[in-house]
Amino acid sequence: MGGDVLSFVYVDYGFTRQEVRARIREPGLQGYRLVGVREIRKGELTPNGWKRIPPEPKDGDPRRVRWLIRPPSCDWYVFEREEDYDDAHGPERLSLPSLCADGAAALQALYIPNGVAALVIAIIQPGHGFGGNWSNFEDPAQILGRSVLRHNPAGIPKVLPYRGIGRQECNEEPCWPQ
């Protein structure tokens, strides 16, 4: 699966640009070296505009986590596999745009107006309880699930890796039945 995906988008509003840059550099990605980084402007991310899908009351309240939300930003990182590693380790190059943004808003801005569906959406420790996420990404009826499953005419992802918090056997099935 990982060999089929060469570009990953990391979205988290809990880390500033500087914090992500520090983590990218140290410890970095095992077996890869950073070959380039570029700041991406808002207009580059949303060349076709952004039609916001408003939250509904059942989604939660974004004001609940306003203390955690950092200023929005985006950096694009490109990595190259180190010579000591072969094809079994992973692809020769990886692309990683990293957005300091809300996950549902980022999906609405990047995919829907551009008429594309993500091949994969990974929901990894979404943290909707005490973790700092204002909406439950595990619930297909809440804002992220609705944005992906109902509002994107380009379709839905083919794969939904899911890893919540708790015992591993709790995550054997995707969190969205679709």
Protein backbone atom coordinates (compact mmCIF):
# COMPACT_ATOMS: atom_id res chain seq x y z
CA MET A 1 0.00 0.00 0.00
CA GLY A 2 2.68 2.53 1.01
CA GLY A 3 4.49 1.98 -2.28
CA ASP A 4 1.44 3.19 -4.18
CA VAL A 5 1.27 6.50 -2.31
CA LEU A 6 4.16 8.91 -2.80
CA SER A 7 2.58 12.05 -1.40
CA PHE A 8 1.15 12.36 2.08
CA VAL A 9 -0.69 15.36 3.56
CA TYR A 10 -0.26 15.82 7.30
CA VAL A 11 -2.89 18.03 8.96
CA ASP A 12 -2.86 19.06 12.62
CA TYR A 13 -3.76 22.43 14.13
CA GLY A 14 -1.95 21.64 17.36
CA PHE A 15 1.59 22.26 16.05
CA THR A 16 3.11 25.48 14.74
CA ARG A 17 5.16 25.61 11.55
CA GLN A 18 8.32 25.89 13.67
CA GLU A 19 7.41 22.83 15.77
CA VAL A 20 6.76 20.72 12.68
CA ARG A 21 10.00 21.89 11.05
CA ALA A 22 11.95 20.88 14.15
CA ARG A 23 10.36 17.41 14.20
CA ILE A 24 10.93 16.93 10.47
CA ARG A 25 14.62 17.63 10.96
CA GLU A 26 15.04 15.66 14.19
CA PRO A 27 14.37 12.78 14.32
CA GLY A 28 13.13 13.04 10.72
CA LEU A 29 11.94 10.07 8.66
CA GLN A 30 14.00 6.92 9.07
CA GLY A 31 15.88 6.13 5.89
CA TYR A 32 15.14 9.47 4.24
CA ARG A 33 16.89 12.81 4.06
CA LEU A 34 15.15 16.12 3.59
CA VAL A 35 16.03 17.56 0.17
CA GLY A 36 13.70 20.53 0.09
CA VAL A 37 11.12 22.56 1.93
CA ARG A 38 8.93 25.36 0.63
CA GLU A 39 6.32 27.52 2.29
CA ILE A 40 2.96 27.24 0.51
CA ARG A 41 0.65 30.23 0.37
CA LYS A 42 -3.12 29.97 0.86
CA GLY A 43 -3.85 30.80 -2.79
CA GLU A 44 -1.67 27.90 -3.91
CA LEU A 45 -3.65 25.48 -1.75
CA THR A 46 -7.03 26.72 -2.90
CA PRO A 47 -6.64 27.89 -6.52
CA ASN A 48 -10.32 27.10 -7.15
CA GLY A 49 -11.53 28.71 -3.93
CA TRP A 50 -13.00 27.00 -0.92
CA LYS A 51 -16.67 26.42 -0.32
CA ARG A 52 -16.83 25.77 3.40
CA ILE A 53 -19.20 23.08 4.59
CA PRO A 54 -20.47 24.53 7.86
CA PRO A 55 -20.49 22.44 11.00
CA GLU A 56 -23.78 21.25 12.42
CA PRO A 57 -24.61 21.30 16.14
CA LYS A 58 -24.00 17.52 16.40
CA ASP A 59 -20.39 18.05 15.19
CA GLY A 60 -19.24 19.74 18.38
CA ASP A 61 -18.11 23.28 19.05
CA PRO A 62 -14.85 24.53 17.49
CA ARG A 63 -14.66 27.23 20.16
CA ARG A 64 -14.03 24.46 22.71
CA VAL A 65 -10.45 24.09 21.47
CA ARG A 66 -9.59 27.63 20.38
CA TRP A 67 -6.80 27.72 22.99
CA LEU A 68 -5.09 24.86 21.15
CA ILE A 69 -5.37 26.09 17.57
CA ARG A 70 -2.17 27.58 16.14
CA PRO A 71 -1.94 30.10 13.26
CA PRO A 72 -2.62 28.37 9.93
CA SER A 73 0.37 27.53 7.76
CA CYS A 74 1.60 25.05 5.18
CA ASP A 75 5.05 23.80 4.30
CA TRP A 76 5.86 21.29 1.57
CA TYR A 77 8.65 18.85 2.36
CA VAL A 78 10.37 16.56 -0.14
CA PHE A 79 12.42 13.60 1.05
CA GLU A 80 14.82 11.29 -0.77
CA ARG A 81 15.66 7.76 0.33
CA GLU A 82 19.16 7.39 1.74
CA GLU A 83 21.64 5.25 -0.19
CA ASP A 84 21.88 2.68 2.63
CA TYR A 85 18.24 1.73 2.06
CA ASP A 86 16.78 -0.18 -0.89
CA ASP A 87 13.37 -0.31 -2.60
CA ALA A 88 12.05 -2.61 0.14
CA HIS A 89 12.29 0.34 2.57
CA GLY A 90 10.08 2.58 0.46
CA PRO A 91 9.95 4.79 -2.60
CA GLU A 92 12.91 6.81 -3.80
CA ARG A 93 11.17 10.12 -3.02
CA LEU A 94 8.30 11.23 -0.79
CA SER A 95 6.28 14.42 -0.77
CA LEU A 96 4.77 15.73 2.46
CA PRO A 97 2.70 18.91 2.60
CA SER A 98 2.16 19.70 6.28
CA LEU A 99 -0.76 21.93 7.17
CA CYS A 100 -1.43 23.60 10.47
CA ALA A 101 -5.19 23.54 9.95
CA ASP A 102 -8.39 21.79 10.92
CA GLY A 103 -8.63 18.33 9.30
CA ALA A 104 -12.15 18.70 7.93
CA ALA A 105 -11.48 22.23 6.65
CA ALA A 106 -8.25 21.09 4.97
CA LEU A 107 -10.04 18.26 3.20
CA GLN A 108 -12.82 20.61 2.09
CA ALA A 109 -10.26 23.09 0.71
CA LEU A 110 -7.80 20.70 -0.94
CA TYR A 111 -9.96 18.03 -2.50
CA ILE A 112 -13.58 19.05 -3.07
CA PRO A 113 -13.09 22.28 -5.09
CA ASN A 114 -10.32 20.66 -7.14
CA GLY A 115 -12.54 17.73 -8.12
CA VAL A 116 -10.35 15.00 -6.68
CA ALA A 117 -10.74 12.36 -4.03
CA ALA A 118 -7.96 11.32 -1.71
CA LEU A 119 -6.77 7.79 -2.43
CA VAL A 120 -6.31 7.23 1.31
CA ILE A 121 -7.46 9.07 4.41
CA ALA A 122 -5.80 7.91 7.60
CA ILE A 123 -7.45 8.70 10.90
CA ILE A 124 -4.70 8.24 13.46
CA GLN A 125 -5.45 9.01 17.10
CA PRO A 126 -8.02 11.72 16.32
CA GLY A 127 -8.28 12.88 19.92
CA HIS A 128 -11.89 14.05 20.11
CA GLY A 129 -12.31 13.48 23.83
CA PHE A 130 -9.59 15.17 25.82
CA GLY A 131 -7.20 15.11 22.86
CA GLY A 132 -7.97 18.52 21.42
CA ASN A 133 -10.15 17.78 18.40
CA TRP A 134 -13.47 19.61 18.48
CA SER A 135 -15.28 17.02 16.32
CA ASN A 136 -15.27 13.23 16.26
CA PHE A 137 -13.45 12.16 13.07
CA GLU A 138 -14.35 8.52 13.82
CA ASP A 139 -18.06 9.29 13.35
CA PRO A 140 -19.07 9.21 9.66
CA ALA A 141 -22.06 11.47 10.43
CA GLN A 142 -19.89 14.30 11.78
CA ILE A 143 -18.09 17.02 9.79
CA LEU A 144 -15.11 15.07 8.39
CA GLY A 145 -17.17 12.00 7.53
CA ARG A 146 -19.88 14.06 5.86
CA SER A 147 -17.30 16.06 3.91
CA VAL A 148 -15.68 12.89 2.57
CA LEU A 149 -18.70 10.63 2.13
CA ARG A 150 -21.44 13.05 1.04
CA HIS A 151 -19.95 16.28 -0.28
CA ASN A 152 -17.16 15.19 -2.61
CA PRO A 153 -18.50 14.44 -6.11
CA ALA A 154 -15.09 12.98 -7.04
CA GLY A 155 -15.78 10.04 -4.73
CA ILE A 156 -14.50 8.52 -1.54
CA PRO A 157 -11.07 7.17 -0.60
CA LYS A 158 -10.26 3.58 -1.48
CA VAL A 159 -8.59 2.97 1.89
CA LEU A 160 -9.25 4.24 5.41
CA PRO A 161 -6.46 3.25 7.81
CA TYR A 162 -7.62 3.80 11.35
CA ARG A 163 -5.76 3.73 14.62
CA GLY A 164 -7.47 5.17 17.63
CA ILE A 165 -6.38 5.09 21.23
CA GLY A 166 -6.75 1.87 23.14
CA ARG A 167 -6.14 -1.80 22.61
CA GLN A 168 -5.05 -2.72 19.09
CA GLU A 169 -7.98 -5.11 18.58
CA CYS A 170 -10.31 -2.12 18.93
CA ASN A 171 -9.04 -0.92 15.55
CA GLU A 172 -9.30 -4.00 13.35
CA GLU A 173 -12.24 -2.49 11.44
CA PRO A 174 -12.36 0.93 9.79
CA CYS A 175 -14.21 3.51 11.86
CA TRP A 176 -16.49 4.30 8.89
CA PRO A 177 -18.58 1.37 7.62
CA GLN A 178 -18.62 2.76 4.05
